[in-house]
PDB file of N, CA and C in Angstrom:
ATOM      1  N   UNK A   1     106.651 215.354  91.367  1.00  0.00           N
ATOM      2  CA  UNK A   1     105.675 214.990  90.162  1.00  0.00           C
ATOM      3  C   UNK A   1     104.640 213.871  90.847  1.00  0.00           C
ATOM      4  N   UNK A   2     103.597 214.441  90.838  1.00  0.00           N
ATOM      5  CA  UNK A   2     102.422 213.476  91.263  1.00  0.00           C
ATOM      6  C   UNK A   2     101.666 212.529  90.374  1.00  0.00           C
ATOM      7  N   UNK A   3     101.374 211.455  90.171  1.00  0.00           N
ATOM      8  CA  UNK A   3     100.539 210.253  89.451  1.00  0.00           C
ATOM      9  C   UNK A   3      99.231 210.713  89.660  1.00  0.00           C
ATOM     10  N   UNK A   4      98.491 211.059  88.487  1.00  0.00           N
ATOM     11  CA  UNK A   4      97.010 211.537  88.837  1.00  0.00           C
ATOM     12  C   UNK A   4      95.982 210.122  88.690  1.00  0.00           C
ATOM     13  N   UNK A   5      96.520 209.364  87.468  1.00  0.00           N
ATOM     14  CA  UNK A   5      96.004 208.220  87.294  1.00  0.00           C
ATOM     15  C   UNK A   5      97.013 207.063  86.448  1.00  0.00           C
ATOM     16  N   UNK A   6      96.452 206.003  86.380  1.00  0.00           N
ATOM     17  CA  UNK A   6      97.067 204.937  85.680  1.00  0.00           C
ATOM     18  C   UNK A   6      96.376 204.576  84.348  1.00  0.00           C
ATOM     19  N   UNK A   7      96.747 204.663  82.952  1.00  0.00           N
ATOM     20  CA  UNK A   7      95.953 204.185  81.999  1.00  0.00           C
ATOM     21  C   UNK A   7      96.403 203.490  81.233  1.00  0.00           C
ATOM     22  N   UNK A   8      95.650 203.174  80.008  1.00  0.00           N
ATOM     23  CA  UNK A   8      96.187 202.000  79.276  1.00  0.00           C
ATOM     24  C   UNK A   8      95.810 202.637  77.690  1.00  0.00           C
ATOM     25  N   UNK A   9      96.724 202.707  76.502  1.00  0.00           N
ATOM     26  CA  UNK A   9      96.592 203.302  75.501  1.00  0.00           C
ATOM     27  C   UNK A   9      97.022 202.365  74.389  1.00  0.00           C
ATOM     28  N   UNK A  10      96.323 202.485  73.237  1.00  0.00           N
ATOM     29  CA  UNK A  10      96.974 201.733  72.207  1.00  0.00           C
ATOM     30  C   UNK A  10      98.250 202.191  71.672  1.00  0.00           C
ATOM     31  N   UNK A  11      99.178 202.075  71.285  1.00  0.00           N
ATOM     32  CA  UNK A  11     100.729 202.834  70.943  1.00  0.00           C
ATOM     33  C   UNK A  11     101.165 202.204  70.106  1.00  0.00           C
ATOM     34  N   UNK A  12     101.737 202.418  68.895  1.00  0.00           N
ATOM     35  CA  UNK A  12     102.512 201.333  68.007  1.00  0.00           C
ATOM     36  C   UNK A  12     104.280 201.166  68.990  1.00  0.00           C
ATOM     37  N   UNK A  13     104.614 200.040  69.026  1.00  0.00           N
ATOM     38  CA  UNK A  13     105.312 198.854  69.542  1.00  0.00           C
ATOM     39  C   UNK A  13     106.278 198.609  68.567  1.00  0.00           C
ATOM     40  N   UNK A  14     107.517 198.403  68.526  1.00  0.00           N
ATOM     41  CA  UNK A  14     108.203 197.893  67.756  1.00  0.00           C
ATOM     42  C   UNK A  14     108.410 196.107  68.181  1.00  0.00           C
ATOM     43  N   UNK A  15     108.295 195.184  67.019  1.00  0.00           N
ATOM     44  CA  UNK A  15     107.823 194.107  67.464  1.00  0.00           C
ATOM     45  C   UNK A  15     109.594 193.488  67.266  1.00  0.00           C
ATOM     46  N   UNK A  16     109.931 192.280  68.199  1.00  0.00           N
ATOM     47  CA  UNK A  16     111.293 191.719  68.120  1.00  0.00           C
ATOM     48  C   UNK A  16     111.023 190.435  67.025  1.00  0.00           C
ATOM     49  N   UNK A  17     112.289 190.040  66.949  1.00  0.00           N
ATOM     50  CA  UNK A  17     112.403 189.017  65.918  1.00  0.00           C
ATOM     51  C   UNK A  17     111.441 187.794  65.955  1.00  0.00           C
ATOM     52  N   UNK A  18     111.292 187.590  66.914  1.00  0.00           N
ATOM     53  CA  UNK A  18     110.322 186.431  66.768  1.00  0.00           C
ATOM     54  C   UNK A  18     109.042 186.527  67.058  1.00  0.00           C
ATOM     55  N   UNK A  19     108.411 187.856  67.536  1.00  0.00           N
ATOM     56  CA  UNK A  19     107.329 188.332  67.024  1.00  0.00           C
ATOM     57  C   UNK A  19     106.972 188.700  65.990  1.00  0.00           C
ATOM     58  N   UNK A  20     107.754 189.122  65.212  1.00  0.00           N
ATOM     59  CA  UNK A  20     107.852 189.429  63.480  1.00  0.00           C
ATOM     60  C   UNK A  20     107.285 188.340  62.952  1.00  0.00           C
ATOM     61  N   UNK A  21     108.402 187.433  62.895  1.00  0.00           N
ATOM     62  CA  UNK A  21     108.178 186.069  61.988  1.00  0.00           C
ATOM     63  C   UNK A  21     106.804 185.276  62.729  1.00  0.00           C
ATOM     64  N   UNK A  22     106.371 185.215  63.919  1.00  0.00           N
ATOM     65  CA  UNK A  22     104.951 185.098  64.463  1.00  0.00           C
ATOM     66  C   UNK A  22     103.896 185.814  63.630  1.00  0.00           C
ATOM     67  N   UNK A  23     104.105 186.577  63.275  1.00  0.00           N
ATOM     68  CA  UNK A  23     103.208 187.554  62.454  1.00  0.00           C
ATOM     69  C   UNK A  23     103.456 187.357  60.825  1.00  0.00           C
ATOM     70  N   UNK A  24     104.660 186.596  60.705  1.00  0.00           N
ATOM     71  CA  UNK A  24     104.803 186.877  59.102  1.00  0.00           C
ATOM     72  C   UNK A  24     103.835 185.355  58.879  1.00  0.00           C
ATOM     73  N   UNK A  25     104.438 184.237  59.945  1.00  0.00           N
ATOM     74  CA  UNK A  25     103.720 182.948  59.483  1.00  0.00           C
ATOM     75  C   UNK A  25     102.054 183.048  59.888  1.00  0.00           C
ATOM     76  N   UNK A  26     101.593 184.063  60.807  1.00  0.00           N
ATOM     77  CA  UNK A  26     100.260 184.196  60.378  1.00  0.00           C
ATOM     78  C   UNK A  26      99.663 184.636  59.234  1.00  0.00           C
ATOM     79  N   UNK A  27     100.425 185.626  58.783  1.00  0.00           N
ATOM     80  CA  UNK A  27      99.851 186.337  57.570  1.00  0.00           C
ATOM     81  C   UNK A  27      99.703 185.387  56.404  1.00  0.00           C
ATOM     82  N   UNK A  28     101.226 184.414  56.391  1.00  0.00           N
ATOM     83  CA  UNK A  28     100.872 183.349  55.515  1.00  0.00           C
ATOM     84  C   UNK A  28     100.069 182.613  55.543  1.00  0.00           C
ATOM     85  N   UNK A  29      99.346 182.198  56.181  1.00  0.00           N
ATOM     86  CA  UNK A  29      98.342 181.183  56.675  1.00  0.00           C
ATOM     87  C   UNK A  29      97.106 181.817  56.487  1.00  0.00           C
ATOM     88  N   UNK A  30      96.580 183.341  57.005  1.00  0.00           N
ATOM     89  CA  UNK A  30      95.558 183.923  56.776  1.00  0.00           C
ATOM     90  C   UNK A  30      95.511 184.041  55.211  1.00  0.00           C
ATOM     91  N   UNK A  31      96.482 184.277  54.235  1.00  0.00           N
ATOM     92  CA  UNK A  31      96.727 184.148  52.842  1.00  0.00           C
ATOM     93  C   UNK A  31      96.234 183.181  52.040  1.00  0.00           C
ATOM     94  N   UNK A  32      96.553 182.138  52.885  1.00  0.00           N
ATOM     95  CA  UNK A  32      96.009 180.844  52.434  1.00  0.00           C
ATOM     96  C   UNK A  32      94.601 180.401  52.544  1.00  0.00           C
ATOM     97  N   UNK A  33      94.568 180.625  54.024  1.00  0.00           N
ATOM     98  CA  UNK A  33      92.635 180.574  54.020  1.00  0.00           C
ATOM     99  C   UNK A  33      91.812 181.250  53.487  1.00  0.00           C
ATOM    100  N   UNK A  34      92.222 182.580  52.818  1.00  0.00           N
ATOM    101  CA  UNK A  34      91.583 183.338  51.792  1.00  0.00           C
ATOM    102  C   UNK A  34      91.245 182.646  51.065  1.00  0.00           C
ATOM    103  N   UNK A  35      92.691 182.271  49.935  1.00  0.00           N
ATOM    104  CA  UNK A  35      92.393 181.697  48.590  1.00  0.00           C
ATOM    105  C   UNK A  35      91.719 180.284  48.528  1.00  0.00           C
ATOM    106  N   UNK A  36      91.387 179.701  49.669  1.00  0.00           N
ATOM    107  CA  UNK A  36      90.342 178.593  50.039  1.00  0.00           C
ATOM    108  C   UNK A  36      89.186 178.849  49.890  1.00  0.00           C
ATOM    109  N   UNK A  37      88.727 179.745  50.843  1.00  0.00           N
ATOM    110  CA  UNK A  37      87.624 180.766  50.826  1.00  0.00           C
ATOM    111  C   UNK A  37      86.743 181.141  49.942  1.00  0.00           C
ATOM    112  N   UNK A  38      87.827 181.609  49.325  1.00  0.00           N
ATOM    113  CA  UNK A  38      87.420 182.102  47.810  1.00  0.00           C
ATOM    114  C   UNK A  38      87.007 181.165  47.222  1.00  0.00           C
ATOM    115  N   UNK A  39      87.626 180.227  46.641  1.00  0.00           N
ATOM    116  CA  UNK A  39      87.308 178.799  46.195  1.00  0.00           C
ATOM    117  C   UNK A  39      86.294 178.061  46.572  1.00  0.00           C
ATOM    118  N   UNK A  40      86.272 178.020  47.939  1.00  0.00           N
ATOM    119  CA  UNK A  40      85.200 177.159  48.231  1.00  0.00           C
ATOM    120  C   UNK A  40      83.454 178.349  47.961  1.00  0.00           C
ATOM    121  N   UNK A  41      83.686 179.503  48.058  1.00  0.00           N
ATOM    122  CA  UNK A  41      82.727 180.111  48.002  1.00  0.00           C
ATOM    123  C   UNK A  41      81.931 180.004  46.141  1.00  0.00           C
ATOM    124  N   UNK A  42      83.092 180.407  45.350  1.00  0.00           N
ATOM    125  CA  UNK A  42      83.131 180.466  43.854  1.00  0.00           C
ATOM    126  C   UNK A  42      82.560 178.966  43.801  1.00  0.00           C
ATOM    127  N   UNK A  43      82.928 177.734  44.289  1.00  0.00           N
ATOM    128  CA  UNK A  43      82.146 176.359  43.817  1.00  0.00           C
ATOM    129  C   UNK A  43      80.596 176.343  44.603  1.00  0.00           C
ATOM    130  N   UNK A  44      80.304 176.785  45.716  1.00  0.00           N
ATOM    131  CA  UNK A  44      78.938 176.941  46.268  1.00  0.00           C
ATOM    132  C   UNK A  44      78.085 178.029  45.372  1.00  0.00           C
ATOM    133  N   UNK A  45      78.669 179.078  44.827  1.00  0.00           N
ATOM    134  CA  UNK A  45      77.680 179.970  44.072  1.00  0.00           C
ATOM    135  C   UNK A  45      77.390 179.363  42.769  1.00  0.00           C
ATOM    136  N   UNK A  46      78.472 178.750  42.162  1.00  0.00           N
ATOM    137  CA  UNK A  46      78.520 177.754  40.949  1.00  0.00           C
ATOM    138  C   UNK A  46      77.362 176.761  41.252  1.00  0.00           C
ATOM    139  N   UNK A  47      77.446 176.084  42.316  1.00  0.00           N
ATOM    140  CA  UNK A  47      76.348 175.004  42.573  1.00  0.00           C
ATOM    141  C   UNK A  47      74.751 175.604  42.709  1.00  0.00           C
ATOM    142  N   UNK A  48      74.869 176.882  43.102  1.00  0.00           N
ATOM    143  CA  UNK A  48      73.675 177.528  43.516  1.00  0.00           C
ATOM    144  C   UNK A  48      73.283 177.966  41.906  1.00  0.00           C
ATOM    145  N   UNK A  49      73.800 178.304  41.782  1.00  0.00           N
ATOM    146  CA  UNK A  49      73.462 178.928  39.830  1.00  0.00           C
ATOM    147  C   UNK A  49      73.040 177.690  39.296  1.00  0.00           C
ATOM    148  N   UNK A  50      73.737 176.525  38.986  1.00  0.00           N
ATOM    149  CA  UNK A  50      73.263 175.657  38.162  1.00  0.00           C
ATOM    150  C   UNK A  50      71.450 175.030  38.719  1.00  0.00           C
ATOM    151  N   UNK A  51      71.565 175.108  40.337  1.00  0.00           N
ATOM    152  CA  UNK A  51      70.461 174.462  40.587  1.00  0.00           C
ATOM    153  C   UNK A  51      69.322 175.533  40.441  1.00  0.00           C
ATOM    154  N   UNK A  52      69.443 176.737  40.278  1.00  0.00           N
ATOM    155  CA  UNK A  52      68.700 178.031  39.872  1.00  0.00           C
ATOM    156  C   UNK A  52      68.139 177.851  38.465  1.00  0.00           C
ATOM    157  N   UNK A  53      69.361 177.543  37.661  1.00  0.00           N
ATOM    158  CA  UNK A  53      68.769 177.018  36.079  1.00  0.00           C
ATOM    159  C   UNK A  53      68.138 175.873  35.939  1.00  0.00           C
ATOM    160  N   UNK A  54      68.192 175.171  36.553  1.00  0.00           N
ATOM    161  CA  UNK A  54      67.673 173.553  36.665  1.00  0.00           C
ATOM    162  C   UNK A  54      66.187 174.065  36.949  1.00  0.00           C
ATOM    163  N   UNK A  55      65.905 174.740  38.153  1.00  0.00           N
ATOM    164  CA  UNK A  55      64.859 174.964  38.831  1.00  0.00           C
ATOM    165  C   UNK A  55      63.779 175.792  37.797  1.00  0.00           C
ATOM    166  N   UNK A  56      64.732 176.585  36.868  1.00  0.00           N
ATOM    167  CA  UNK A  56      63.972 177.833  35.752  1.00  0.00           C
ATOM    168  C   UNK A  56      63.594 177.134  34.863  1.00  0.00           C
ATOM    169  N   UNK A  57      64.359 175.989  34.163  1.00  0.00           N
ATOM    170  CA  UNK A  57      64.058 175.131  33.223  1.00  0.00           C
ATOM    171  C   UNK A  57      62.919 174.057  33.729  1.00  0.00           C
ATOM    172  N   UNK A  58      62.602 173.650  34.847  1.00  0.00           N
ATOM    173  CA  UNK A  58      61.761 172.679  35.092  1.00  0.00           C
ATOM    174  C   UNK A  58      60.190 173.825  35.269  1.00  0.00           C
ATOM    175  N   UNK A  59      60.416 175.111  35.910  1.00  0.00           N
ATOM    176  CA  UNK A  59      59.422 175.856  35.586  1.00  0.00           C
ATOM    177  C   UNK A  59      58.697 176.082  34.552  1.00  0.00           C
ATOM    178  N   UNK A  60      59.592 176.512  33.378  1.00  0.00           N
ATOM    179  CA  UNK A  60      58.980 176.821  32.193  1.00  0.00           C
ATOM    180  C   UNK A  60      58.288 175.600  31.743  1.00  0.00           C
ATOM    181  N   UNK A  61      59.249 174.292  31.707  1.00  0.00           N
ATOM    182  CA  UNK A  61      58.632 173.181  31.266  1.00  0.00           C
ATOM    183  C   UNK A  61      57.070 172.897  31.624  1.00  0.00           C
ATOM    184  N   UNK A  62      56.710 172.809  33.324  1.00  0.00           N
ATOM    185  CA  UNK A  62      55.696 173.018  33.602  1.00  0.00           C
ATOM    186  C   UNK A  62      54.612 173.787  33.329  1.00  0.00           C
ATOM    187  N   UNK A  63      55.286 175.222  32.895  1.00  0.00           N
ATOM    188  CA  UNK A  63      54.167 176.303  32.519  1.00  0.00           C
ATOM    189  C   UNK A  63      53.866 175.898  31.208  1.00  0.00           C
ATOM    190  N   UNK A  64      54.500 175.232  30.272  1.00  0.00           N
ATOM    191  CA  UNK A  64      53.986 174.878  29.219  1.00  0.00           C
ATOM    192  C   UNK A  64      53.288 173.782  28.924  1.00  0.00           C
ATOM    193  N   UNK A  65      53.463 172.871  29.945  1.00  0.00           N
ATOM    194  CA  UNK A  65      52.241 171.913  30.397  1.00  0.00           C
ATOM    195  C   UNK A  65      50.952 172.285  30.668  1.00  0.00           C
ATOM    196  N   UNK A  66      51.009 172.859  31.522  1.00  0.00           N
ATOM    197  CA  UNK A  66      49.856 173.590  32.465  1.00  0.00           C
ATOM    198  C   UNK A  66      48.941 174.781  31.479  1.00  0.00           C
ATOM    199  N   UNK A  67      49.944 175.258  30.612  1.00  0.00           N
ATOM    200  CA  UNK A  67      49.172 176.161  29.674  1.00  0.00           C
ATOM    201  C   UNK A  67      48.344 175.612  28.543  1.00  0.00           C
ATOM    202  N   UNK A  68      48.884 174.452  27.854  1.00  0.00           N
ATOM    203  CA  UNK A  68      48.766 173.655  26.937  1.00  0.00           C
ATOM    204  C   UNK A  68      47.602 172.789  27.356  1.00  0.00           C
ATOM    205  N   UNK A  69      47.551 172.176  28.535  1.00  0.00           N
ATOM    206  CA  UNK A  69      46.902 171.238  29.148  1.00  0.00           C
ATOM    207  C   UNK A  69      47.185 169.587  28.543  1.00  0.00           C
ATOM    208  N   UNK A  70      48.652 169.361  28.119  1.00  0.00           N
ATOM    209  CA  UNK A  70      49.177 168.074  27.440  1.00  0.00           C
ATOM    210  C   UNK A  70      50.392 168.091  27.818  1.00  0.00           C
ATOM    211  N   UNK A  71      51.116 166.941  27.622  1.00  0.00           N
ATOM    212  CA  UNK A  71      52.419 166.515  27.880  1.00  0.00           C
ATOM    213  C   UNK A  71      52.551 165.277  26.865  1.00  0.00           C
ATOM    214  N   UNK A  72      53.951 165.337  26.368  1.00  0.00           N
ATOM    215  CA  UNK A  72      54.435 164.285  25.949  1.00  0.00           C
ATOM    216  C   UNK A  72      55.157 163.324  26.493  1.00  0.00           C
ATOM    217  N   UNK A  73      53.970 161.908  26.368  1.00  0.00           N
ATOM    218  CA  UNK A  73      54.632 160.776  26.587  1.00  0.00           C
ATOM    219  C   UNK A  73      54.832 159.692  25.892  1.00  0.00           C
ATOM    220  N   UNK A  74      55.871 158.597  26.016  1.00  0.00           N
ATOM    221  CA  UNK A  74      55.836 157.696  25.126  1.00  0.00           C
ATOM    222  C   UNK A  74      54.952 156.704  25.216  1.00  0.00           C
ATOM    223  N   UNK A  75      54.323 156.382  24.369  1.00  0.00           N
ATOM    224  CA  UNK A  75      52.644 155.912  24.014  1.00  0.00           C
ATOM    225  C   UNK A  75      52.965 154.817  23.003  1.00  0.00           C
ATOM    226  N   UNK A  76      52.227 153.506  23.398  1.00  0.00           N
ATOM    227  CA  UNK A  76      51.906 152.482  22.403  1.00  0.00           C
ATOM    228  C   UNK A  76      51.252 153.009  21.369  1.00  0.00           C
ATOM    229  N   UNK A  77      51.815 152.782  20.098  1.00  0.00           N
ATOM    230  CA  UNK A  77      50.812 153.014  19.206  1.00  0.00           C
ATOM    231  C   UNK A  77      50.671 151.604  18.041  1.00  0.00           C
ATOM    232  N   UNK A  78      49.641 151.298  17.851  1.00  0.00           N
ATOM    233  CA  UNK A  78      49.838 149.975  17.030  1.00  0.00           C
ATOM    234  C   UNK A  78      49.533 150.662  15.153  1.00  0.00           C
ATOM    235  N   UNK A  79      50.159 149.973  14.479  1.00  0.00           N
ATOM    236  CA  UNK A  79      50.163 150.148  13.081  1.00  0.00           C
ATOM    237  C   UNK A  79      49.368 149.069  12.295  1.00  0.00           C
ATOM    238  N   UNK A  80      48.340 149.433  11.744  1.00  0.00           N
ATOM    239  CA  UNK A  80      47.592 148.367  11.075  1.00  0.00           C
ATOM    240  C   UNK A  80      46.984 148.747   9.732  1.00  0.00           C
ATOM    241  N   UNK A  81      46.755 147.675   8.762  1.00  0.00           N
ATOM    242  CA  UNK A  81      46.163 148.140   7.638  1.00  0.00           C
ATOM    243  C   UNK A  81      44.677 147.843   7.494  1.00  0.00           C
ATOM    244  N   UNK A  82      44.194 149.054   6.985  1.00  0.00           N
ATOM    245  CA  UNK A  82      42.503 149.242   7.066  1.00  0.00           C
ATOM    246  C   UNK A  82      42.119 148.144   5.876  1.00  0.00           C
ATOM    247  N   UNK A  83      40.644 148.158   6.199  1.00  0.00           N
ATOM    248  CA  UNK A  83      39.993 146.782   4.816  1.00  0.00           C
ATOM    249  C   UNK A  83      40.390 148.032   3.591  1.00  0.00           C
ATOM    250  N   UNK A  84      40.699 149.328   3.344  1.00  0.00           N
ATOM    251  CA  UNK A  84      40.293 150.098   2.545  1.00  0.00           C
ATOM    252  C   UNK A  84      41.973 150.131   1.652  1.00  0.00           C
ATOM    253  N   UNK A  85      42.733 149.552   2.725  1.00  0.00           N
ATOM    254  CA  UNK A  85      44.145 149.794   1.885  1.00  0.00           C
ATOM    255  C   UNK A  85      44.831 150.658   2.719  1.00  0.00           C
ATOM    256  N   UNK A  86      44.457 151.552   3.526  1.00  0.00           N
ATOM    257  CA  UNK A  86      44.969 152.573   4.190  1.00  0.00           C
ATOM    258  C   UNK A  86      45.699 152.306   5.386  1.00  0.00           C
ATOM    259  N   UNK A  87      46.710 152.559   5.916  1.00  0.00           N
ATOM    260  CA  UNK A  87      47.486 152.330   7.319  1.00  0.00           C
ATOM    261  C   UNK A  87      47.138 153.183   8.269  1.00  0.00           C
ATOM    262  N   UNK A  88      46.799 152.778   9.355  1.00  0.00           N
ATOM    263  CA  UNK A  88      46.355 153.551  10.081  1.00  0.00           C
ATOM    264  C   UNK A  88      47.032 153.698  11.220  1.00  0.00           C
ATOM    265  N   UNK A  89      47.700 154.293  12.298  1.00  0.00           N
ATOM    266  CA  UNK A  89      48.240 154.081  13.577  1.00  0.00           C
ATOM    267  C   UNK A  89      47.427 154.576  14.405  1.00  0.00           C
ATOM    268  N   UNK A  90      47.382 153.636  15.399  1.00  0.00           N
ATOM    269  CA  UNK A  90      46.058 153.982  16.226  1.00  0.00           C
ATOM    270  C   UNK A  90      46.628 153.928  17.875  1.00  0.00           C
ATOM    271  N   UNK A  91      46.508 155.063  18.837  1.00  0.00           N
ATOM    272  CA  UNK A  91      46.823 154.751  20.131  1.00  0.00           C
ATOM    273  C   UNK A  91      46.392 153.816  20.907  1.00  0.00           C
ATOM    274  N   UNK A  92      47.108 153.289  21.443  1.00  0.00           N
ATOM    275  CA  UNK A  92      46.629 151.946  22.053  1.00  0.00           C
ATOM    276  C   UNK A  92      46.056 152.486  23.472  1.00  0.00           C
ATOM    277  N   UNK A  93      46.215 153.507  24.261  1.00  0.00           N
ATOM    278  CA  UNK A  93      45.876 154.023  25.290  1.00  0.00           C
ATOM    279  C   UNK A  93      44.491 154.450  25.209  1.00  0.00           C
ATOM    280  N   UNK A  94      44.070 154.913  23.887  1.00  0.00           N
ATOM    281  CA  UNK A  94      42.770 155.857  23.766  1.00  0.00           C
ATOM    282  C   UNK A  94      41.923 154.978  22.796  1.00  0.00           C
ATOM    283  N   UNK A  95      42.801 154.638  21.977  1.00  0.00           N
ATOM    284  CA  UNK A  95      42.126 153.988  20.571  1.00  0.00           C
ATOM    285  C   UNK A  95      42.085 155.175  19.596  1.00  0.00           C
ATOM    286  N   UNK A  96      42.591 156.368  19.515  1.00  0.00           N
ATOM    287  CA  UNK A  96      42.291 157.441  19.086  1.00  0.00           C
ATOM    288  C   UNK A  96      43.380 156.946  17.584  1.00  0.00           C
ATOM    289  N   UNK A  97      42.661 157.026  16.393  1.00  0.00           N
ATOM    290  CA  UNK A  97      43.435 157.035  15.378  1.00  0.00           C
ATOM    291  C   UNK A  97      44.258 158.173  15.100  1.00  0.00           C
ATOM    292  N   UNK A  98      45.663 158.373  15.130  1.00  0.00           N
ATOM    293  CA  UNK A  98      46.096 159.786  15.035  1.00  0.00           C
ATOM    294  C   UNK A  98      46.871 159.850  13.594  1.00  0.00           C
ATOM    295  N   UNK A  99      46.891 158.733  12.774  1.00  0.00           N
ATOM    296  CA  UNK A  99      47.515 158.760  11.236  1.00  0.00           C
ATOM    297  C   UNK A  99      46.829 157.849  10.181  1.00  0.00           C
ATOM    298  N   UNK A 100      46.239 158.779   9.280  1.00  0.00           N
ATOM    299  CA  UNK A 100      45.658 157.812   8.362  1.00  0.00           C
ATOM    300  C   UNK A 100      46.582 158.071   7.046  1.00  0.00           C
ATOM    301  N   UNK A 101      47.047 156.795   6.076  1.00  0.00           N
ATOM    302  CA  UNK A 101      48.011 157.112   5.125  1.00  0.00           C
ATOM    303  C   UNK A 101      48.368 156.136   4.387  1.00  0.00           C
ATOM    304  N   UNK A 102      48.604 156.521   2.907  1.00  0.00           N
ATOM    305  CA  UNK A 102      49.107 155.217   2.095  1.00  0.00           C
ATOM    306  C   UNK A 102      50.367 154.506   3.040  1.00  0.00           C
ATOM    307  N   UNK A 103      50.104 152.759   2.574  1.00  0.00           N
ATOM    308  CA  UNK A 103      51.436 152.146   3.262  1.00  0.00           C
ATOM    309  C   UNK A 103      52.383 152.277   2.515  1.00  0.00           C
ATOM    310  N   UNK A 104      53.386 152.232   3.252  1.00  0.00           N
ATOM    311  CA  UNK A 104      54.959 152.162   2.599  1.00  0.00           C
ATOM    312  C   UNK A 104      55.291 151.204   1.660  1.00  0.00           C
ATOM    313  N   UNK A 105      56.137 151.045   0.706  1.00  0.00           N
ATOM    314  CA  UNK A 105      56.311 150.014   0.141  1.00  0.00           C
ATOM    315  C   UNK A 105      56.722 148.399   0.878  1.00  0.00           C
ATOM    316  N   UNK A 106      57.295 148.496   1.988  1.00  0.00           N
ATOM    317  CA  UNK A 106      57.589 147.368   2.597  1.00  0.00           C
ATOM    318  C   UNK A 106      56.427 147.111   3.494  1.00  0.00           C
ATOM    319  N   UNK A 107      55.350 147.758   3.565  1.00  0.00           N
ATOM    320  CA  UNK A 107      54.294 147.590   4.015  1.00  0.00           C
ATOM    321  C   UNK A 107      52.962 146.498   3.155  1.00  0.00           C
ATOM    322  N   UNK A 108      53.520 147.176   1.983  1.00  0.00           N
ATOM    323  CA  UNK A 108      52.276 146.659   1.120  1.00  0.00           C
ATOM    324  C   UNK A 108      52.493 145.116   0.814  1.00  0.00           C
ATOM    325  N   UNK A 109      53.484 144.314   1.021  1.00  0.00           N
ATOM    326  CA  UNK A 109      53.574 143.123   1.257  1.00  0.00           C
ATOM    327  C   UNK A 109      53.327 142.078   2.617  1.00  0.00           C
ATOM    328  N   UNK A 110      52.543 141.839   2.956  1.00  0.00           N
ATOM    329  CA  UNK A 110      52.750 141.188   4.445  1.00  0.00           C
ATOM    330  C   UNK A 110      54.117 140.372   4.739  1.00  0.00           C
ATOM    331  N   UNK A 111      55.034 140.532   5.665  1.00  0.00           N
ATOM    332  CA  UNK A 111      56.071 139.324   5.745  1.00  0.00           C
ATOM    333  C   UNK A 111      55.676 137.709   5.829  1.00  0.00           C
ATOM    334  N   UNK A 112      56.637 136.934   5.252  1.00  0.00           N
ATOM    335  CA  UNK A 112      56.183 135.856   5.766  1.00  0.00           C
ATOM    336  C   UNK A 112      56.273 135.327   7.424  1.00  0.00           C
ATOM    337  N   UNK A 113      55.611 134.435   7.114  1.00  0.00           N
ATOM    338  CA  UNK A 113      55.292 133.951   8.777  1.00  0.00           C
ATOM    339  C   UNK A 113      56.625 133.214   9.177  1.00  0.00           C
ATOM    340  N   UNK A 114      57.222 133.525  10.533  1.00  0.00           N
ATOM    341  CA  UNK A 114      58.358 132.904  10.782  1.00  0.00           C
ATOM    342  C   UNK A 114      57.916 131.430  11.318  1.00  0.00           C
ATOM    343  N   UNK A 115      58.718 130.852  10.900  1.00  0.00           N
ATOM    344  CA  UNK A 115      58.542 129.338  11.249  1.00  0.00           C
ATOM    345  C   UNK A 115      59.645 128.876  12.614  1.00  0.00           C
ATOM    346  N   UNK A 116      58.926 128.136  14.106  1.00  0.00           N
ATOM    347  CA  UNK A 116      59.362 127.957  14.785  1.00  0.00           C
ATOM    348  C   UNK A 116      60.465 127.017  14.513  1.00  0.00           C
ATOM    349  N   UNK A 117      61.854 127.094  15.431  1.00  0.00           N
ATOM    350  CA  UNK A 117      62.690 125.977  14.609  1.00  0.00           C
ATOM    351  C   UNK A 117      62.151 124.626  15.387  1.00  0.00           C
ATOM    352  N   UNK A 118      61.486 124.793  16.396  1.00  0.00           N
ATOM    353  CA  UNK A 118      60.728 123.339  16.941  1.00  0.00           C
ATOM    354  C   UNK A 118      60.075 122.621  16.155  1.00  0.00           C
ATOM    355  N   UNK A 119      59.517 123.165  15.180  1.00  0.00           N
ATOM    356  CA  UNK A 119      58.436 122.374  14.228  1.00  0.00           C
ATOM    357  C   UNK A 119      59.362 121.792  13.205  1.00  0.00           C
ATOM    358  N   UNK A 120      60.288 121.801  13.366  1.00  0.00           N
ATOM    359  CA  UNK A 120      61.256 120.801  12.368  1.00  0.00           C
ATOM    360  C   UNK A 120      61.410 119.623  12.758  1.00  0.00           C
ATOM    361  N   UNK A 121      61.520 118.471  12.522  1.00  0.00           N
ATOM    362  CA  UNK A 121      62.089 117.487  13.030  1.00  0.00           C
ATOM    363  C   UNK A 121      63.622 116.837  12.116  1.00  0.00           C
ATOM    364  N   UNK A 122      64.550 116.681  12.728  1.00  0.00           N
ATOM    365  CA  UNK A 122      65.651 116.572  11.663  1.00  0.00           C
ATOM    366  C   UNK A 122      65.951 114.777  12.555  1.00  0.00           C
ATOM    367  N   UNK A 123      66.655 114.021  11.017  1.00  0.00           N
ATOM    368  CA  UNK A 123      66.843 112.786  11.435  1.00  0.00           C
ATOM    369  C   UNK A 123      68.160 112.813  12.240  1.00  0.00           C
ATOM    370  N   UNK A 124      68.092 111.866  13.120  1.00  0.00           N
ATOM    371  CA  UNK A 124      69.600 111.869  13.858  1.00  0.00           C
ATOM    372  C   UNK A 124      70.452 111.181  12.787  1.00  0.00           C
ATOM    373  N   UNK A 125      71.517 111.817  12.413  1.00  0.00           N
ATOM    374  CA  UNK A 125      72.505 111.097  11.397  1.00  0.00           C
ATOM    375  C   UNK A 125      73.565 110.143  12.092  1.00  0.00           C
ATOM    376  N   UNK A 126      73.457 109.974  13.713  1.00  0.00           N
ATOM    377  CA  UNK A 126      73.985 108.629  14.410  1.00  0.00           C
ATOM    378  C   UNK A 126      73.205 107.465  13.846  1.00  0.00           C
ATOM    379  N   UNK A 127      73.928 106.290  13.813  1.00  0.00           N
ATOM    380  CA  UNK A 127      73.664 105.117  13.745  1.00  0.00           C
ATOM    381  C   UNK A 127      72.849 104.538  15.356  1.00  0.00           C
TER     382      UNK A 127
END
């Protein structure tokens, strides 16, 4: 018999015990790595989803501000008694009267002026 050529083919080959043990350890490590990767990707997806939600909320808020032309801000307001007995609430940034109303009961009687403790002179009880 004459050899025509020498080739290499992928054929099923039985593993010895040492090779079988090595593949089993590799399989166990791959299963662990897969679980860790699934958890990592889940965590990253949750973070990305939260970021998209945050950006969506910001988009909605800014859309409302742009379409209405105003936004709410903390603004100093002076509450004062007008000469006609009505209470006025006045924006200090623009001077606009935002509310005119009857006074509440506690506003009808002006508070007593607080007296500063330094105004009193106490006699020293020591001889």
